[in-house]
Amino acid sequence: MKISMMINYISDFQTSAKRVVELEKVGLDMVWVAEAYSYDAISQIGYLAAVTERVQIGTGIINVFSRTAALTAMTAAGCDYVSNGRFVLGLGASGPQVIEGFHGVPFVKTMQRTKEYIEVCREVWRREKPLSYDGKTVQIPLPAGQGTGLGKALKLINHPVRSEIPVWWASLKDKSVEATAEIADGWMPIFFMPEKYQNVWGKSLKAGLAKRSSNLKQLDVSAGGMLHIDESLTPTKQHEVLDFARSSYALYVGGMGARGKNFYNDMCRDYGFEKEAVEIQDLYLDGKKKEAAALIPSDWLELSNLVGPRSYIKERVGAFKEAGVTVLQVNPVGPDPVREIETLRSILDEI
């Protein structure tokens, strides 16, 4: 298993970059750069490529609405070039509040659009012929009757470092997860419970994997959460640490979308926390955020994060591995992140 972590988009970037350099030396394999509606991810990836040597650097995530499919392919090829083949393209849909509210683009056909972006990117990187694509959301060149009529099919001028840059899809819903399992190189779920993930995504993953081409490698899966490994973490202290995640879970379950249009609330229900899902959303949308956070199920927090003494963490890592996770996505929250990653690496080496 590999170890990855996310750079927070509201943190001190220079300090975070120095930390990545330190963590790379003790076993960090991948770093993801978020975008949301903060600074763009690409400029930060270029910086990280210059100061690191081994770690893979990915977008975690960029959406498929704010850039054209061809620009996404060009950007990925450029990031792979400056990082000497260490780039990972993480794609996702984001949500209507960001896409329509910030980018001013209709949030429609998200699954189809992501599939078509992946196909366009791979065609651009292969350079087998000038780019020509006739999809439901992407048409290149523009069809007759649109634009000036002067569009011409073109190839990427440069030869990419790799013609098969890994593409990861941060999908959540049924058809999108099925498509991810079918065509993507990696999948980035959120709030992943190894013991119960089949309740949420099992059918979709099975359907997608059944259609997966033999030309593609095994689907990578990145999942995890807070990381704190310490022998002093008794059950009481363990839950005190886990409580720090409550506000984040409540934000997603309760506030990411309206009633009836919240992917994360649906996930909470699918995990079996139906009563809590309703109450958390009601409280959060009524402005009672602390009360909503208090209702996040403790089991969900414990089983989707890695907090506890070494023997317990080793057991939990085994559960993630058994569930098909190939990359542990962690957020070190202890006083010494370098020691945390170094300890986790030693645990992985034992399994």
Protein backbone atom coordinates (compact mmCIF):
# COMPACT_ATOMS: atom_id res chain seq x y z
CA MET A 1 0.00 0.00 0.00
CA LYS A 2 1.03 3.58 -0.67
CA ILE A 3 0.63 6.61 1.58
CA SER A 4 -0.89 9.87 0.36
CA MET A 5 -1.99 13.13 1.90
CA MET A 6 -3.83 16.26 0.86
CA ILE A 7 -2.50 19.82 0.98
CA ASN A 8 -5.15 22.02 2.52
CA TYR A 9 -6.17 24.81 0.18
CA ILE A 10 -6.41 27.35 3.00
CA SER A 11 -3.05 26.56 4.63
CA ASP A 12 0.34 28.28 4.38
CA PHE A 13 1.46 26.73 1.11
CA GLN A 14 5.21 27.32 1.47
CA THR A 15 5.17 25.67 4.88
CA SER A 16 3.11 22.78 3.49
CA ALA A 17 5.56 22.32 0.63
CA LYS A 18 8.49 22.12 3.03
CA ARG A 19 6.57 19.54 5.02
CA VAL A 20 5.98 17.46 1.87
CA VAL A 21 9.74 17.46 1.24
CA GLU A 22 10.31 16.12 4.76
CA LEU A 23 7.54 13.53 4.48
CA GLU A 24 8.80 12.32 1.11
CA LYS A 25 12.02 11.25 2.82
CA VAL A 26 10.22 9.06 5.37
CA GLY A 27 7.72 7.31 3.12
CA LEU A 28 5.06 9.61 1.67
CA ASP A 29 4.22 8.35 -1.84
CA MET A 30 1.60 10.78 -3.12
CA VAL A 31 0.43 14.31 -2.41
CA TRP A 32 -2.88 15.73 -3.60
CA VAL A 33 -3.50 19.43 -4.20
CA ALA A 34 -7.09 20.55 -3.73
CA GLU A 35 -8.70 23.32 -5.74
CA ALA A 36 -12.39 23.90 -4.83
CA TYR A 37 -12.82 27.66 -5.34
CA SER A 38 -9.51 28.66 -3.78
CA TYR A 39 -6.19 29.16 -5.59
CA ASP A 40 -5.83 26.95 -8.64
CA ALA A 41 -4.16 23.59 -8.06
CA ILE A 42 -1.89 23.63 -11.11
CA SER A 43 0.43 26.46 -10.06
CA GLN A 44 1.01 24.71 -6.73
CA ILE A 45 1.74 21.41 -8.47
CA GLY A 46 4.46 23.12 -10.51
CA TYR A 47 6.03 24.41 -7.30
CA LEU A 48 5.90 21.00 -5.65
CA ALA A 49 7.41 19.36 -8.73
CA ALA A 50 10.42 21.65 -8.40
CA VAL A 51 11.13 20.93 -4.72
CA THR A 52 10.41 17.17 -4.58
CA GLU A 53 12.09 14.18 -6.23
CA ARG A 54 10.03 11.01 -5.77
CA VAL A 55 6.51 11.74 -4.55
CA GLN A 56 3.64 11.60 -7.03
CA ILE A 57 1.70 14.86 -7.29
CA GLY A 58 -1.99 14.90 -8.14
CA THR A 59 -4.95 17.19 -8.44
CA GLY A 60 -7.37 16.32 -5.71
CA ILE A 61 -9.48 17.41 -7.55
CA ILE A 62 -9.99 19.69 -10.54
CA ASN A 63 -13.50 19.81 -11.93
CA VAL A 64 -14.59 19.04 -15.49
CA PHE A 65 -16.48 22.30 -16.02
CA SER A 66 -14.03 25.16 -15.51
CA ARG A 67 -11.50 23.96 -18.10
CA THR A 68 -12.12 22.57 -21.58
CA ALA A 69 -11.31 18.90 -22.13
CA ALA A 70 -8.36 19.77 -24.36
CA LEU A 71 -6.97 22.27 -21.85
CA THR A 72 -7.28 19.64 -19.13
CA ALA A 73 -5.22 17.28 -21.29
CA MET A 74 -2.63 19.97 -22.08
CA THR A 75 -2.37 20.93 -18.41
CA ALA A 76 -1.92 17.33 -17.30
CA ALA A 77 0.77 16.77 -19.93
CA GLY A 78 2.52 19.94 -18.76
CA CYS A 79 2.42 18.90 -15.11
CA ASP A 80 3.74 15.46 -16.03
CA TYR A 81 6.54 17.15 -17.98
CA VAL A 82 7.75 19.43 -15.18
CA SER A 83 7.50 16.60 -12.62
CA ASN A 84 9.36 14.06 -14.78
CA GLY A 85 6.41 11.69 -14.99
CA ARG A 86 5.07 12.03 -11.44
CA PHE A 87 1.70 13.66 -12.13
CA VAL A 88 -1.72 12.15 -11.42
CA LEU A 89 -4.83 13.74 -12.91
CA GLY A 90 -7.61 13.73 -10.32
CA LEU A 91 -10.97 14.68 -11.82
CA GLY A 92 -14.42 15.24 -10.39
CA ALA A 93 -17.65 17.12 -10.90
CA SER A 94 -17.62 19.38 -7.82
CA GLY A 95 -21.21 20.56 -7.19
CA PRO A 96 -23.81 22.94 -8.56
CA GLN A 97 -23.13 25.62 -5.95
CA VAL A 98 -19.52 25.96 -7.14
CA ILE A 99 -19.96 25.21 -10.85
CA GLU A 100 -22.99 27.40 -11.42
CA GLY A 101 -22.42 29.91 -8.63
CA PHE A 102 -18.69 30.53 -9.11
CA HIS A 103 -17.87 29.40 -12.64
CA GLY A 104 -21.20 30.26 -14.26
CA VAL A 105 -21.46 26.96 -16.12
CA PRO A 106 -24.56 24.68 -16.07
CA PHE A 107 -24.05 21.68 -13.77
CA VAL A 108 -25.46 19.04 -16.12
CA LYS A 109 -24.52 15.56 -17.39
CA THR A 110 -21.72 15.29 -14.86
CA MET A 111 -21.00 11.59 -15.28
CA GLN A 112 -21.07 11.74 -19.08
CA ARG A 113 -18.89 14.84 -19.11
CA THR A 114 -16.26 13.25 -16.89
CA LYS A 115 -16.15 10.12 -19.04
CA GLU A 116 -15.69 12.24 -22.15
CA TYR A 117 -12.95 14.33 -20.54
CA ILE A 118 -11.05 11.15 -19.70
CA GLU A 119 -11.41 9.86 -23.26
CA VAL A 120 -10.31 13.20 -24.76
CA CYS A 121 -7.28 13.40 -22.44
CA ARG A 122 -6.11 9.93 -23.38
CA GLU A 123 -6.54 10.69 -27.09
CA VAL A 124 -4.53 13.91 -26.75
CA TRP A 125 -1.70 12.18 -24.86
CA ARG A 126 -1.46 9.30 -27.35
CA ARG A 127 -1.07 11.69 -30.33
CA GLU A 128 -2.13 8.96 -32.76
CA LYS A 129 -4.09 11.44 -34.87
CA PRO A 130 -5.38 15.03 -34.74
CA LEU A 131 -7.92 15.42 -31.94
CA SER A 132 -11.44 14.72 -33.12
CA TYR A 133 -14.18 13.86 -30.65
CA ASP A 134 -17.94 13.73 -31.06
CA GLY A 135 -19.48 13.30 -27.63
CA LYS A 136 -22.66 14.35 -25.89
CA THR A 137 -20.95 17.09 -23.90
CA VAL A 138 -17.72 17.60 -25.85
CA GLN A 139 -17.44 18.18 -29.62
CA ILE A 140 -13.98 18.82 -31.07
CA PRO A 141 -13.63 20.54 -33.51
CA LEU A 142 -16.87 22.49 -33.16
CA PRO A 143 -19.58 21.13 -35.46
CA ALA A 144 -20.60 23.01 -38.60
CA GLY A 145 -22.91 25.88 -37.79
CA GLN A 146 -21.22 26.69 -34.48
CA GLY A 147 -18.54 29.33 -34.16
CA THR A 148 -16.69 30.66 -37.19
CA GLY A 149 -16.40 27.36 -39.00
CA LEU A 150 -12.60 27.74 -39.07
CA GLY A 151 -11.84 25.12 -36.43
CA LYS A 152 -9.22 22.54 -37.36
CA ALA A 153 -8.39 19.19 -35.78
CA LEU A 154 -4.95 19.45 -34.16
CA LYS A 155 -2.40 17.28 -32.37
CA LEU A 156 -0.63 18.27 -29.20
CA ILE A 157 2.64 19.81 -30.41
CA ASN A 158 4.78 18.22 -27.71
CA HIS A 159 5.33 14.52 -27.15
CA PRO A 160 4.14 13.91 -23.55
CA VAL A 161 6.50 12.32 -21.05
CA ARG A 162 3.87 9.58 -20.73
CA SER A 163 1.05 8.72 -23.08
CA GLU A 164 -0.83 7.11 -20.19
CA ILE A 165 -0.98 9.60 -17.34
CA PRO A 166 -2.99 8.07 -14.45
CA VAL A 167 -6.53 9.44 -14.20
CA TRP A 168 -8.37 9.23 -10.90
CA TRP A 169 -12.07 9.95 -10.52
CA ALA A 170 -13.56 11.32 -7.29
CA SER A 171 -17.01 9.84 -7.84
CA LEU A 172 -19.75 9.25 -5.29
CA LYS A 173 -23.00 8.28 -6.97
CA ASP A 174 -24.08 5.00 -8.56
CA LYS A 175 -23.51 5.51 -12.29
CA SER A 176 -20.41 7.63 -11.77
CA VAL A 177 -18.84 5.02 -9.49
CA GLU A 178 -19.70 2.33 -12.04
CA ALA A 179 -18.03 4.37 -14.79
CA THR A 180 -15.01 4.96 -12.55
CA ALA A 181 -14.56 1.24 -11.99
CA GLU A 182 -14.86 0.70 -15.73
CA ILE A 183 -12.48 3.31 -17.18
CA ALA A 184 -10.46 5.18 -14.54
CA ASP A 185 -7.05 4.29 -13.12
CA GLY A 186 -8.02 5.22 -9.59
CA TRP A 187 -11.02 6.03 -7.41
CA MET A 188 -11.16 8.61 -4.60
CA PRO A 189 -14.15 8.00 -2.31
CA ILE A 190 -14.68 10.03 0.85
CA PHE A 191 -15.59 9.05 4.42
CA PHE A 192 -14.80 5.42 3.52
CA MET A 193 -15.76 2.70 6.01
CA PRO A 194 -14.03 -0.58 5.07
CA GLU A 195 -16.63 -2.69 6.85
CA LYS A 196 -19.63 -1.00 5.20
CA TYR A 197 -18.47 0.46 1.88
CA GLN A 198 -20.26 -2.33 0.00
CA ASN A 199 -23.58 -0.95 1.28
CA VAL A 200 -22.86 2.33 -0.47
CA TRP A 201 -20.86 1.45 -3.58
CA GLY A 202 -20.68 -2.35 -3.83
CA LYS A 203 -23.14 -2.89 -6.69
CA SER A 204 -21.75 -0.02 -8.75
CA LEU A 205 -18.15 -1.16 -8.33
CA LYS A 206 -19.03 -4.73 -9.29
CA ALA A 207 -20.91 -3.61 -12.41
CA GLY A 208 -18.10 -1.32 -13.51
CA LEU A 209 -15.30 -3.82 -12.90
CA ALA A 210 -17.19 -6.41 -14.96
CA LYS A 211 -16.86 -4.08 -17.96
CA ARG A 212 -13.27 -3.00 -17.28
CA SER A 213 -10.86 -3.48 -20.17
CA SER A 214 -8.04 -5.97 -19.72
CA ASN A 215 -5.74 -3.25 -21.03
CA LEU A 216 -6.23 -1.32 -17.79
CA LYS A 217 -4.41 -2.16 -14.59
CA GLN A 218 -6.23 -2.98 -11.35
CA LEU A 219 -8.31 -0.06 -10.10
CA ASP A 220 -6.45 1.83 -7.39
CA VAL A 221 -8.50 3.04 -4.43
CA SER A 222 -7.48 5.89 -2.14
CA ALA A 223 -9.20 6.17 1.24
CA GLY A 224 -8.48 7.04 4.84
CA GLY A 225 -8.72 10.04 7.13
CA MET A 226 -7.08 11.56 10.17
CA LEU A 227 -3.85 9.88 11.26
CA HIS A 228 -2.61 9.85 14.84
CA ILE A 229 -0.58 6.91 16.15
CA ASP A 230 0.31 7.03 19.83
CA GLU A 231 0.34 4.51 22.67
CA SER A 232 -1.28 7.10 24.95
CA LEU A 233 -4.49 7.05 22.92
CA THR A 234 -6.85 5.22 25.24
CA PRO A 235 -10.44 4.87 23.96
CA THR A 236 -11.41 8.13 25.69
CA LYS A 237 -8.48 10.09 24.24
CA GLN A 238 -9.00 8.42 20.88
CA HIS A 239 -12.54 9.78 20.68
CA GLU A 240 -11.38 13.20 21.80
CA VAL A 241 -9.15 13.29 18.71
CA LEU A 242 -11.86 11.91 16.45
CA ASP A 243 -14.23 14.60 17.66
CA PHE A 244 -12.16 17.14 15.73
CA ALA A 245 -13.56 15.63 12.53
CA ARG A 246 -17.18 16.08 13.54
CA SER A 247 -17.55 19.58 12.12
CA SER A 248 -16.19 18.47 8.75
CA TYR A 249 -18.50 15.46 8.50
CA ALA A 250 -21.45 17.63 9.56
CA LEU A 251 -20.62 20.22 6.92
CA TYR A 252 -20.79 17.59 4.17
CA VAL A 253 -23.72 15.57 5.49
CA GLY A 254 -25.74 18.58 6.57
CA GLY A 255 -24.65 21.53 4.48
CA MET A 256 -23.28 20.39 1.12
CA GLY A 257 -26.44 20.88 -0.91
CA ALA A 258 -30.15 21.22 -0.31
CA ARG A 259 -32.58 18.64 1.04
CA GLY A 260 -32.96 15.88 -1.51
CA LYS A 261 -29.79 16.97 -3.35
CA ASN A 262 -26.92 16.14 -1.05
CA PHE A 263 -24.65 13.26 -2.12
CA TYR A 264 -23.03 13.00 1.30
CA ASN A 265 -26.33 12.83 3.12
CA ASP A 266 -27.29 9.95 0.83
CA MET A 267 -24.03 8.24 1.76
CA CYS A 268 -24.82 8.60 5.45
CA ARG A 269 -28.18 6.93 4.85
CA ASP A 270 -26.63 4.12 2.80
CA TYR A 271 -24.21 3.41 5.62
CA GLY A 272 -27.26 2.70 7.76
CA PHE A 273 -27.43 5.99 9.64
CA GLU A 274 -30.80 7.06 8.22
CA LYS A 275 -32.16 8.71 11.35
CA GLU A 276 -28.93 10.60 11.94
CA ALA A 277 -28.80 11.77 8.31
CA VAL A 278 -32.19 13.46 8.61
CA GLU A 279 -31.48 15.04 11.97
CA ILE A 280 -27.98 16.26 11.04
CA GLN A 281 -29.26 17.94 7.89
CA ASP A 282 -32.22 19.55 9.64
CA LEU A 283 -30.03 20.95 12.40
CA TYR A 284 -27.29 22.12 10.05
CA LEU A 285 -29.64 23.91 7.68
CA ASP A 286 -31.28 25.56 10.68
CA GLY A 287 -27.90 26.99 11.66
CA LYS A 288 -27.34 24.59 14.58
CA LYS A 289 -23.95 23.35 13.41
CA LYS A 290 -22.60 22.21 16.78
CA GLU A 291 -25.72 20.19 17.47
CA ALA A 292 -25.47 18.63 14.01
CA ALA A 293 -21.82 17.71 14.54
CA ALA A 294 -22.64 16.03 17.84
CA LEU A 295 -24.90 13.58 16.00
CA ILE A 296 -22.24 12.24 13.62
CA PRO A 297 -22.09 8.51 14.50
CA SER A 298 -18.99 7.66 16.53
CA ASP A 299 -18.62 4.35 14.67
CA TRP A 300 -18.34 6.21 11.38
CA LEU A 301 -15.62 8.47 12.77
CA GLU A 302 -13.66 5.60 14.30
CA LEU A 303 -13.78 3.24 11.33
CA SER A 304 -13.05 5.81 8.63
CA ASN A 305 -10.00 7.35 10.35
CA LEU A 306 -6.72 6.00 11.72
CA VAL A 307 -6.45 7.13 15.31
CA GLY A 308 -5.12 4.95 18.13
CA PRO A 309 -2.10 2.95 19.37
CA ARG A 310 0.13 1.13 16.91
CA SER A 311 -1.48 -2.30 17.31
CA TYR A 312 -4.93 -0.82 16.64
CA ILE A 313 -3.73 1.10 13.59
CA LYS A 314 -2.16 -2.06 12.20
CA GLU A 315 -5.53 -3.78 12.56
CA ARG A 316 -7.35 -0.91 10.84
CA VAL A 317 -4.83 -0.77 8.00
CA GLY A 318 -5.52 -4.46 7.46
CA ALA A 319 -9.23 -3.70 7.19
CA PHE A 320 -8.62 -1.01 4.58
CA LYS A 321 -6.38 -3.35 2.62
CA GLU A 322 -8.96 -6.14 2.78
CA ALA A 323 -11.52 -3.70 1.36
CA GLY A 324 -9.34 -3.09 -1.70
CA VAL A 325 -7.71 0.19 -0.68
CA THR A 326 -4.29 0.53 -2.32
CA VAL A 327 -3.46 4.07 -1.19
CA LEU A 328 -4.01 5.24 2.39
CA GLN A 329 -5.11 8.88 2.26
CA VAL A 330 -4.13 10.38 5.61
CA ASN A 331 -4.12 13.69 7.43
CA PRO A 332 -1.53 13.63 10.25
CA VAL A 333 -2.97 15.47 13.24
CA GLY A 334 -0.41 14.63 15.92
CA PRO A 335 2.33 17.00 17.07
CA ASP A 336 4.93 15.37 14.79
CA PRO A 337 3.61 14.60 11.27
CA VAL A 338 6.98 13.26 10.12
CA ARG A 339 6.99 10.67 12.91
CA GLU A 340 3.38 9.75 12.11
CA ILE A 341 4.15 9.04 8.43
CA GLU A 342 7.36 7.21 9.34
CA THR A 343 5.46 5.01 11.81
CA LEU A 344 2.68 4.31 9.31
CA ARG A 345 5.27 3.33 6.71
CA SER A 346 6.82 0.86 9.14
CA ILE A 347 3.35 -0.62 9.81
CA LEU A 348 2.70 -1.04 6.09
CA ASP A 349 6.06 -2.73 5.66
CA GLU A 350 4.99 -5.32 8.26
CA ILE A 351 1.69 -6.20 6.56
